[in-house]
C-alpha atoms as a PDB file:
ATOM      1  CA  MET A   1     112.174 141.678  66.559  1.00  0.00           C
ATOM      2  CA  ILE A   2     108.887 139.759  66.718  1.00  0.00           C
ATOM      3  CA  HIS A   3     107.913 137.399  63.929  1.00  0.00           C
ATOM      4  CA  GLN A   4     104.429 135.989  63.431  1.00  0.00           C
ATOM      5  CA  THR A   5     104.142 132.508  61.946  1.00  0.00           C
ATOM      6  CA  LEU A   6     101.183 130.248  61.195  1.00  0.00           C
ATOM      7  CA  SER A   7     101.157 126.878  62.926  1.00  0.00           C
ATOM      8  CA  GLY A   8      98.990 123.863  62.212  1.00  0.00           C
ATOM      9  CA  PRO A   9      96.578 122.921  59.424  1.00  0.00           C
ATOM     10  CA  LEU A  10      94.275 125.351  57.673  1.00  0.00           C
ATOM     11  CA  LEU A  11      90.686 124.758  58.772  1.00  0.00           C
ATOM     12  CA  LYS A  12      87.763 125.788  56.617  1.00  0.00           C
ATOM     13  CA  GLU A  13      85.801 128.407  58.534  1.00  0.00           C
ATOM     14  CA  ALA A  14      82.912 126.878  60.483  1.00  0.00           C
ATOM     15  CA  GLY A  15      80.141 129.076  59.147  1.00  0.00           C
ATOM     16  CA  ILE A  16      80.857 128.566  55.460  1.00  0.00           C
ATOM     17  CA  PRO A  17      78.739 126.155  53.359  1.00  0.00           C
ATOM     18  CA  THR A  18      80.362 123.011  51.995  1.00  0.00           C
ATOM     19  CA  ASP A  19      80.098 121.365  48.609  1.00  0.00           C
ATOM     20  CA  GLU A  20      77.897 118.718  50.259  1.00  0.00           C
ATOM     21  CA  ASP A  21      75.526 121.416  51.581  1.00  0.00           C
ATOM     22  CA  VAL A  22      75.144 122.789  48.071  1.00  0.00           C
ATOM     23  CA  ARG A  23      74.632 119.315  46.584  1.00  0.00           C
ATOM     24  CA  ILE A  24      71.825 118.453  49.037  1.00  0.00           C
ATOM     25  CA  ILE A  25      70.067 121.816  48.581  1.00  0.00           C
ATOM     26  CA  ASN A  26      70.123 121.498  44.803  1.00  0.00           C
ATOM     27  CA  SER A  27      68.840 117.901  45.099  1.00  0.00           C
ATOM     28  CA  LEU A  28      65.770 118.623  47.253  1.00  0.00           C
ATOM     29  CA  SER A  29      62.457 117.300  45.899  1.00  0.00           C
ATOM     30  CA  ASN A  30      61.519 120.897  45.051  1.00  0.00           C
ATOM     31  CA  PRO A  31      64.974 122.384  44.374  1.00  0.00           C
ATOM     32  CA  PRO A  32      65.849 126.029  43.754  1.00  0.00           C
ATOM     33  CA  PRO A  33      64.916 126.919  40.140  1.00  0.00           C
ATOM     34  CA  VAL A  34      68.326 128.567  39.866  1.00  0.00           C
ATOM     35  CA  PRO A  35      70.868 126.225  41.508  1.00  0.00           C
ATOM     36  CA  VAL A  36      72.696 127.828  44.421  1.00  0.00           C
ATOM     37  CA  SER A  37      76.437 127.847  45.054  1.00  0.00           C
ATOM     38  CA  GLU A  38      78.553 128.294  48.195  1.00  0.00           C
ATOM     39  CA  ARG A  39      78.773 132.013  47.458  1.00  0.00           C
ATOM     40  CA  ASP A  40      74.990 132.416  47.398  1.00  0.00           C
ATOM     41  CA  ILE A  41      73.971 131.152  50.836  1.00  0.00           C
ATOM     42  CA  TYR A  42      74.378 131.197  54.586  1.00  0.00           C
ATOM     43  CA  VAL A  43      74.029 127.864  56.405  1.00  0.00           C
ATOM     44  CA  ARG A  44      73.372 127.159  60.085  1.00  0.00           C
ATOM     45  CA  ARG A  45      72.226 124.195  62.213  1.00  0.00           C
ATOM     46  CA  CYS A  46      69.174 123.907  64.439  1.00  0.00           C
ATOM     47  CA  ARG A  47      68.234 121.562  67.302  1.00  0.00           C
ATOM     48  CA  LEU A  48      64.597 121.611  66.311  1.00  0.00           C
ATOM     49  CA  ALA A  49      62.873 118.785  68.210  1.00  0.00           C
ATOM     50  CA  GLY A  50      63.735 115.681  70.189  1.00  0.00           C
ATOM     51  CA  ASP A  51      62.568 112.961  72.532  1.00  0.00           C
ATOM     52  CA  ALA A  52      62.199 115.155  75.641  1.00  0.00           C
ATOM     53  CA  VAL A  53      58.694 115.790  77.036  1.00  0.00           C
ATOM     54  CA  ASP A  54      57.543 119.253  75.971  1.00  0.00           C
ATOM     55  CA  ALA A  55      55.413 121.930  77.602  1.00  0.00           C
ATOM     56  CA  TYR A  56      52.251 120.306  76.226  1.00  0.00           C
ATOM     57  CA  HIS A  57      53.207 116.986  77.891  1.00  0.00           C
ATOM     58  CA  GLY A  58      53.855 115.434  74.469  1.00  0.00           C
ATOM     59  CA  CYS A  59      56.931 113.532  73.351  1.00  0.00           C
ATOM     60  CA  PHE A  60      58.395 112.065  70.167  1.00  0.00           C
ATOM     61  CA  ARG A  61      59.583 108.477  70.343  1.00  0.00           C
ATOM     62  CA  THR A  62      63.342 108.221  69.916  1.00  0.00           C
ATOM     63  CA  GLU A  63      62.958 105.679  67.124  1.00  0.00           C
ATOM     64  CA  ASP A  64      60.761 108.118  65.161  1.00  0.00           C
ATOM     65  CA  LEU A  65      63.319 110.941  65.017  1.00  0.00           C
ATOM     66  CA  HIS A  66      64.908 109.781  61.760  1.00  0.00           C
ATOM     67  CA  LYS A  67      61.470 109.718  60.109  1.00  0.00           C
ATOM     68  CA  LEU A  68      60.789 113.199  61.490  1.00  0.00           C
ATOM     69  CA  LEU A  69      64.051 114.493  60.005  1.00  0.00           C
ATOM     70  CA  ALA A  70      63.192 112.947  56.630  1.00  0.00           C
ATOM     71  CA  LEU A  71      59.764 114.624  56.621  1.00  0.00           C
ATOM     72  CA  LEU A  72      61.403 117.973  57.381  1.00  0.00           C
ATOM     73  CA  GLN A  73      63.525 118.065  54.225  1.00  0.00           C
ATOM     74  CA  GLY A  74      62.761 121.181  52.188  1.00  0.00           C
ATOM     75  CA  ALA A  75      60.345 122.613  54.778  1.00  0.00           C
ATOM     76  CA  PRO A  76      60.447 126.365  55.465  1.00  0.00           C
ATOM     77  CA  LEU A  77      61.824 128.145  58.510  1.00  0.00           C
ATOM     78  CA  LEU A  78      59.243 130.703  59.662  1.00  0.00           C
ATOM     79  CA  VAL A  79      59.135 133.292  62.430  1.00  0.00           C
ATOM     80  CA  GLY A  80      56.747 132.542  65.289  1.00  0.00           C
ATOM     81  CA  HIS A  81      54.740 129.871  63.374  1.00  0.00           C
ATOM     82  CA  ASP A  82      53.131 132.680  61.373  1.00  0.00           C
ATOM     83  CA  LYS A  83      51.776 130.704  58.431  1.00  0.00           C
ATOM     84  CA  ARG A  84      50.415 133.870  56.846  1.00  0.00           C
ATOM     85  CA  THR A  85      54.000 134.695  55.866  1.00  0.00           C
ATOM     86  CA  LEU A  86      56.603 133.040  53.659  1.00  0.00           C
ATOM     87  CA  GLY A  87      59.702 131.378  55.023  1.00  0.00           C
ATOM     88  CA  VAL A  88      62.926 133.199  55.833  1.00  0.00           C
ATOM     89  CA  ALA A  89      65.038 130.062  55.278  1.00  0.00           C
ATOM     90  CA  ARG A  90      64.721 126.400  54.288  1.00  0.00           C
ATOM     91  CA  PHE A  91      65.711 123.137  55.996  1.00  0.00           C
ATOM     92  CA  PHE A  92      67.876 120.423  54.453  1.00  0.00           C
ATOM     93  CA  GLY A  93      70.100 117.535  55.486  1.00  0.00           C
ATOM     94  CA  GLY A  94      71.011 117.091  59.129  1.00  0.00           C
ATOM     95  CA  SER A  95      71.372 114.269  61.635  1.00  0.00           C
ATOM     96  CA  VAL A  96      70.056 112.895  64.928  1.00  0.00           C
ATOM     97  CA  GLU A  97      72.345 113.867  67.804  1.00  0.00           C
ATOM     98  CA  GLU A  98      72.522 113.492  71.583  1.00  0.00           C
ATOM     99  CA  ARG A  99      72.536 116.428  73.991  1.00  0.00           C
ATOM    100  CA  ASP A 100      72.016 116.466  77.769  1.00  0.00           C
ATOM    101  CA  GLY A 101      70.632 112.934  77.829  1.00  0.00           C
ATOM    102  CA  HIS A 102      68.152 113.377  74.968  1.00  0.00           C
ATOM    103  CA  ARG A 103      68.224 112.866  71.210  1.00  0.00           C
ATOM    104  CA  TYR A 104      67.394 115.704  68.816  1.00  0.00           C
ATOM    105  CA  ILE A 105      66.918 116.150  65.107  1.00  0.00           C
ATOM    106  CA  VAL A 106      69.537 118.681  64.016  1.00  0.00           C
ATOM    107  CA  PRO A 107      68.783 119.796  60.453  1.00  0.00           C
ATOM    108  CA  ARG A 108      70.720 122.458  58.602  1.00  0.00           C
ATOM    109  CA  PHE A 109      68.982 125.411  57.018  1.00  0.00           C
ATOM    110  CA  TYR A 110      70.011 127.960  54.427  1.00  0.00           C
ATOM    111  CA  TRP A 111      69.027 131.433  53.294  1.00  0.00           C
ATOM    112  CA  LEU A 112      70.228 133.663  50.479  1.00  0.00           C
ATOM    113  CA  ARG A 113      72.985 136.195  51.039  1.00  0.00           C
ATOM    114  CA  SER A 114      71.437 138.495  48.437  1.00  0.00           C
ATOM    115  CA  HIS A 115      68.121 138.752  50.320  1.00  0.00           C
ATOM    116  CA  SER A 116      67.499 142.236  51.708  1.00  0.00           C
ATOM    117  CA  SER A 117      67.234 140.894  55.291  1.00  0.00           C
ATOM    118  CA  ALA A 118      69.998 138.271  55.053  1.00  0.00           C
ATOM    119  CA  GLU A 119      72.476 140.066  57.304  1.00  0.00           C
ATOM    120  CA  ASP A 120      69.823 140.874  59.916  1.00  0.00           C
ATOM    121  CA  LEU A 121      68.941 137.174  60.194  1.00  0.00           C
ATOM    122  CA  ARG A 122      72.581 136.100  60.356  1.00  0.00           C
ATOM    123  CA  VAL A 123      73.489 138.616  63.050  1.00  0.00           C
ATOM    124  CA  ALA A 124      70.429 137.775  65.184  1.00  0.00           C
ATOM    125  CA  ILE A 125      71.108 134.019  65.052  1.00  0.00           C
ATOM    126  CA  ASP A 126      74.886 134.184  65.513  1.00  0.00           C
ATOM    127  CA  GLY A 127      74.553 136.740  68.305  1.00  0.00           C
ATOM    128  CA  GLY A 128      72.030 134.627  70.202  1.00  0.00           C
ATOM    129  CA  LEU A 129      69.053 136.975  69.886  1.00  0.00           C
ATOM    130  CA  TYR A 130      67.187 134.150  68.138  1.00  0.00           C
ATOM    131  CA  ALA A 131      67.967 131.295  70.503  1.00  0.00           C
ATOM    132  CA  GLU A 132      65.103 128.768  70.450  1.00  0.00           C
ATOM    133  CA  ALA A 133      63.070 126.896  67.858  1.00  0.00           C
ATOM    134  CA  SER A 134      59.810 124.998  67.465  1.00  0.00           C
ATOM    135  CA  LEU A 135      58.308 122.420  65.094  1.00  0.00           C
ATOM    136  CA  SER A 136      54.860 122.363  63.470  1.00  0.00           C
ATOM    137  CA  PHE A 137      53.642 118.904  62.441  1.00  0.00           C
ATOM    138  CA  CYS A 138      50.604 116.641  61.985  1.00  0.00           C
ATOM    139  CA  TYR A 139      50.166 113.280  63.706  1.00  0.00           C
ATOM    140  CA  GLU A 140      47.382 110.735  64.160  1.00  0.00           C
ATOM    141  CA  LYS A 141      47.431 109.460  67.740  1.00  0.00           C
ATOM    142  CA  PRO A 142      48.446 110.819  71.177  1.00  0.00           C
ATOM    143  CA  THR A 143      49.447 107.579  72.890  1.00  0.00           C
ATOM    144  CA  CYS A 144      49.293 107.536  76.707  1.00  0.00           C
ATOM    145  CA  SER A 145      52.651 106.813  78.365  1.00  0.00           C
ATOM    146  CA  VAL A 146      50.907 104.719  81.056  1.00  0.00           C
ATOM    147  CA  CYS A 147      48.356 102.502  79.327  1.00  0.00           C
ATOM    148  CA  GLY A 148      49.223 102.853  75.621  1.00  0.00           C
ATOM    149  CA  GLN A 149      45.726 103.944  74.641  1.00  0.00           C
ATOM    150  CA  ASP A 150      44.667 107.161  72.957  1.00  0.00           C
ATOM    151  CA  ILE A 151      45.038 109.625  75.828  1.00  0.00           C
ATOM    152  CA  ARG A 152      41.879 111.428  74.685  1.00  0.00           C
ATOM    153  CA  GLN A 153      39.933 108.293  75.562  1.00  0.00           C
ATOM    154  CA  CYS A 154      41.715 106.856  78.629  1.00  0.00           C
ATOM    155  CA  GLU A 155      41.489 107.934  82.257  1.00  0.00           C
ATOM    156  CA  HIS A 156      44.974 109.420  82.499  1.00  0.00           C
ATOM    157  CA  LEU A 157      45.509 113.177  82.527  1.00  0.00           C
ATOM    158  CA  PRO A 158      48.647 114.625  80.837  1.00  0.00           C
ATOM    159  CA  GLY A 159      50.897 116.335  83.357  1.00  0.00           C
ATOM    160  CA  SER A 160      49.375 114.679  86.415  1.00  0.00           C
ATOM    161  CA  PRO A 161      51.664 112.639  88.722  1.00  0.00           C
ATOM    162  CA  GLY A 162      52.488 109.139  87.524  1.00  0.00           C
ATOM    163  CA  GLU A 163      54.223 106.249  89.235  1.00  0.00           C
ATOM    164  CA  ASN A 164      57.746 107.472  88.392  1.00  0.00           C
ATOM    165  CA  GLU A 165      57.191 110.673  86.403  1.00  0.00           C
ATOM    166  CA  PRO A 166      54.382 112.974  85.273  1.00  0.00           C
ATOM    167  CA  ILE A 167      52.040 111.382  82.737  1.00  0.00           C
ATOM    168  CA  PHE A 168      52.705 112.317  79.109  1.00  0.00           C
ATOM    169  CA  TYR A 169      51.759 111.084  75.653  1.00  0.00           C
ATOM    170  CA  TYR A 170      53.644 110.134  72.498  1.00  0.00           C
ATOM    171  CA  TYR A 171      53.176 111.846  69.160  1.00  0.00           C
ATOM    172  CA  ASP A 172      52.478 108.655  67.199  1.00  0.00           C
ATOM    173  CA  ASN A 173      52.067 108.235  63.450  1.00  0.00           C
ATOM    174  CA  VAL A 174      53.504 111.595  62.395  1.00  0.00           C
ATOM    175  CA  VAL A 175      52.273 112.123  58.842  1.00  0.00           C
ATOM    176  CA  ALA A 176      53.661 115.561  57.928  1.00  0.00           C
ATOM    177  CA  VAL A 177      56.050 118.285  59.029  1.00  0.00           C
ATOM    178  CA  LEU A 178      54.714 121.708  58.069  1.00  0.00           C
ATOM    179  CA  GLU A 179      57.508 124.041  59.166  1.00  0.00           C
ATOM    180  CA  GLY A 180      60.045 124.916  61.821  1.00  0.00           C
ATOM    181  CA  SER A 181      60.084 128.336  63.448  1.00  0.00           C
ATOM    182  CA  LEU A 182      62.207 130.846  65.257  1.00  0.00           C
ATOM    183  CA  VAL A 183      60.336 131.414  68.535  1.00  0.00           C
ATOM    184  CA  TYR A 184      60.801 133.372  71.744  1.00  0.00           C
ATOM    185  CA  ARG A 185      60.445 130.144  73.774  1.00  0.00           C
ATOM    186  CA  GLY A 186      60.395 126.603  72.412  1.00  0.00           C
ATOM    187  CA  ALA A 187      57.875 124.130  73.852  1.00  0.00           C
ATOM    188  CA  GLU A 188      60.635 121.516  74.140  1.00  0.00           C
ATOM    189  CA  PRO A 189      63.742 122.214  76.253  1.00  0.00           C
ATOM    190  CA  GLY A 190      67.123 122.140  74.527  1.00  0.00           C
ATOM    191  CA  THR A 191      66.285 123.641  71.142  1.00  0.00           C
ATOM    192  CA  GLY A 192      68.705 126.158  69.653  1.00  0.00           C
ATOM    193  CA  PHE A 193      71.085 127.133  66.871  1.00  0.00           C
ATOM    194  CA  SER A 194      74.735 126.689  65.977  1.00  0.00           C
ATOM    195  CA  LEU A 195      77.145 127.219  63.100  1.00  0.00           C
ATOM    196  CA  SER A 196      76.848 124.890  60.153  1.00  0.00           C
ATOM    197  CA  ARG A 197      79.580 122.773  61.751  1.00  0.00           C
ATOM    198  CA  GLY A 198      82.325 123.053  64.331  1.00  0.00           C
ATOM    199  CA  LEU A 199      86.006 123.367  63.544  1.00  0.00           C
ATOM    200  CA  ILE A 200      87.133 119.918  62.435  1.00  0.00           C
ATOM    201  CA  HIS A 201      90.705 118.658  62.300  1.00  0.00           C
ATOM    202  CA  PRO A 202      91.748 117.158  58.922  1.00  0.00           C
ATOM    203  CA  ALA A 203      91.996 113.762  60.670  1.00  0.00           C
ATOM    204  CA  GLY A 204      88.214 113.923  61.155  1.00  0.00           C
ATOM    205  CA  LEU A 205      88.310 114.604  64.896  1.00  0.00           C
ATOM    206  CA  PRO A 206      86.784 117.644  66.606  1.00  0.00           C
ATOM    207  CA  TYR A 207      89.350 120.378  66.944  1.00  0.00           C
ATOM    208  CA  PRO A 208      90.816 120.422  70.521  1.00  0.00           C
ATOM    209  CA  THR A 209      88.946 122.673  72.937  1.00  0.00           C
ATOM    210  CA  SER A 210      91.370 123.016  75.856  1.00  0.00           C
ATOM    211  CA  ASP A 211      95.015 123.916  76.381  1.00  0.00           C
ATOM    212  CA  SER A 212      95.714 120.393  77.663  1.00  0.00           C
ATOM    213  CA  GLU A 213      94.690 119.004  74.253  1.00  0.00           C
ATOM    214  CA  ASN A 214      96.175 121.732  72.096  1.00  0.00           C
ATOM    215  CA  PRO A 215      99.007 124.134  72.971  1.00  0.00           C
ATOM    216  CA  THR A 216      97.538 126.782  70.629  1.00  0.00           C
ATOM    217  CA  TYR A 217      94.142 126.777  72.379  1.00  0.00           C
ATOM    218  CA  GLY A 218      93.125 130.310  73.314  1.00  0.00           C
ATOM    219  CA  LEU A 219      95.358 131.922  70.695  1.00  0.00           C
ATOM    220  CA  PRO A 220      93.694 134.172  68.114  1.00  0.00           C
ATOM    221  CA  LEU A 221      92.585 132.477  64.903  1.00  0.00           C
ATOM    222  CA  LEU A 222      93.653 134.267  61.746  1.00  0.00           C
ATOM    223  CA  ARG A 223      91.214 134.306  58.834  1.00  0.00           C
ATOM    224  CA  ILE A 224      92.829 133.455  55.492  1.00  0.00           C
ATOM    225  CA  LYS A 225      91.280 133.402  52.035  1.00  0.00           C
ATOM    226  CA  ARG A 226      92.754 130.802  49.727  1.00  0.00           C
ATOM    227  CA  HIS A 227      91.428 129.763  46.310  1.00  0.00           C
ATOM    228  CA  GLY A 228      88.246 131.722  46.976  1.00  0.00           C
ATOM    229  CA  LYS A 229      87.455 129.992  50.300  1.00  0.00           C
ATOM    230  CA  TRP A 230      87.936 131.170  53.883  1.00  0.00           C
ATOM    231  CA  TYR A 231      90.023 129.250  56.438  1.00  0.00           C
ATOM    232  CA  ARG A 232      91.133 129.775  60.033  1.00  0.00           C
ATOM    233  CA  ALA A 233      94.562 129.050  61.476  1.00  0.00           C
ATOM    234  CA  PRO A 234      96.077 129.741  64.906  1.00  0.00           C
ATOM    235  CA  LEU A 235      98.325 132.790  65.044  1.00  0.00           C
ATOM    236  CA  VAL A 236     101.551 132.077  66.947  1.00  0.00           C
ATOM    237  CA  GLU A 237     104.077 134.719  67.928  1.00  0.00           C
ATOM    238  CA  GLU A 238     107.756 133.777  68.008  1.00  0.00           C
ATOM    239  CA  ALA A 239     110.523 135.988  69.363  1.00  0.00           C
END
């Protein structure tokens, strides 16, 4: 006879909003008129912009990323920078994180489960059909990476060969973030989407991702609902 037993701690499912998500959303400067709860929303994360040089030969300074993230709070998520339309989701919270040698702002965003297109958006993001993102913002000065002057007034041409790398300019004195968008190709490499968080061990460490770290790696994860919330746990078969 085969018995199935659950092994290890219960882990709250990665795509489900947390109490902290709900608190931040309901504390935005222009909060929802009707406060939202965990049951009302979907939440995902987005690598929206960073300190890599983009297709326009522009670049955010690493030290300005925290300011950029702060300006983004409450901004809408649009489709294709189409400002004639209303947002499909809204940004909140987030952090500055490293990926492939660059730093990115990684805000979270939420949308309402009861919206008529909610499932279409969730499926397209989670399935990778919507895979890149872009930021719309206002800034005061494009500072040349070579001479430090306004690149509109100096002799250097963005994208032309420099001493060690192609010439670019910094987006200096960012004064506003207008929106972030789902796009077919982002101007900056490395943008993209992920679940609201990864599976986290109760000790606060990332859940092991290889069989050398965790003997239950690769085993199916069983979904369990407990006290109204969903969890995952490894399913182990014992003879």
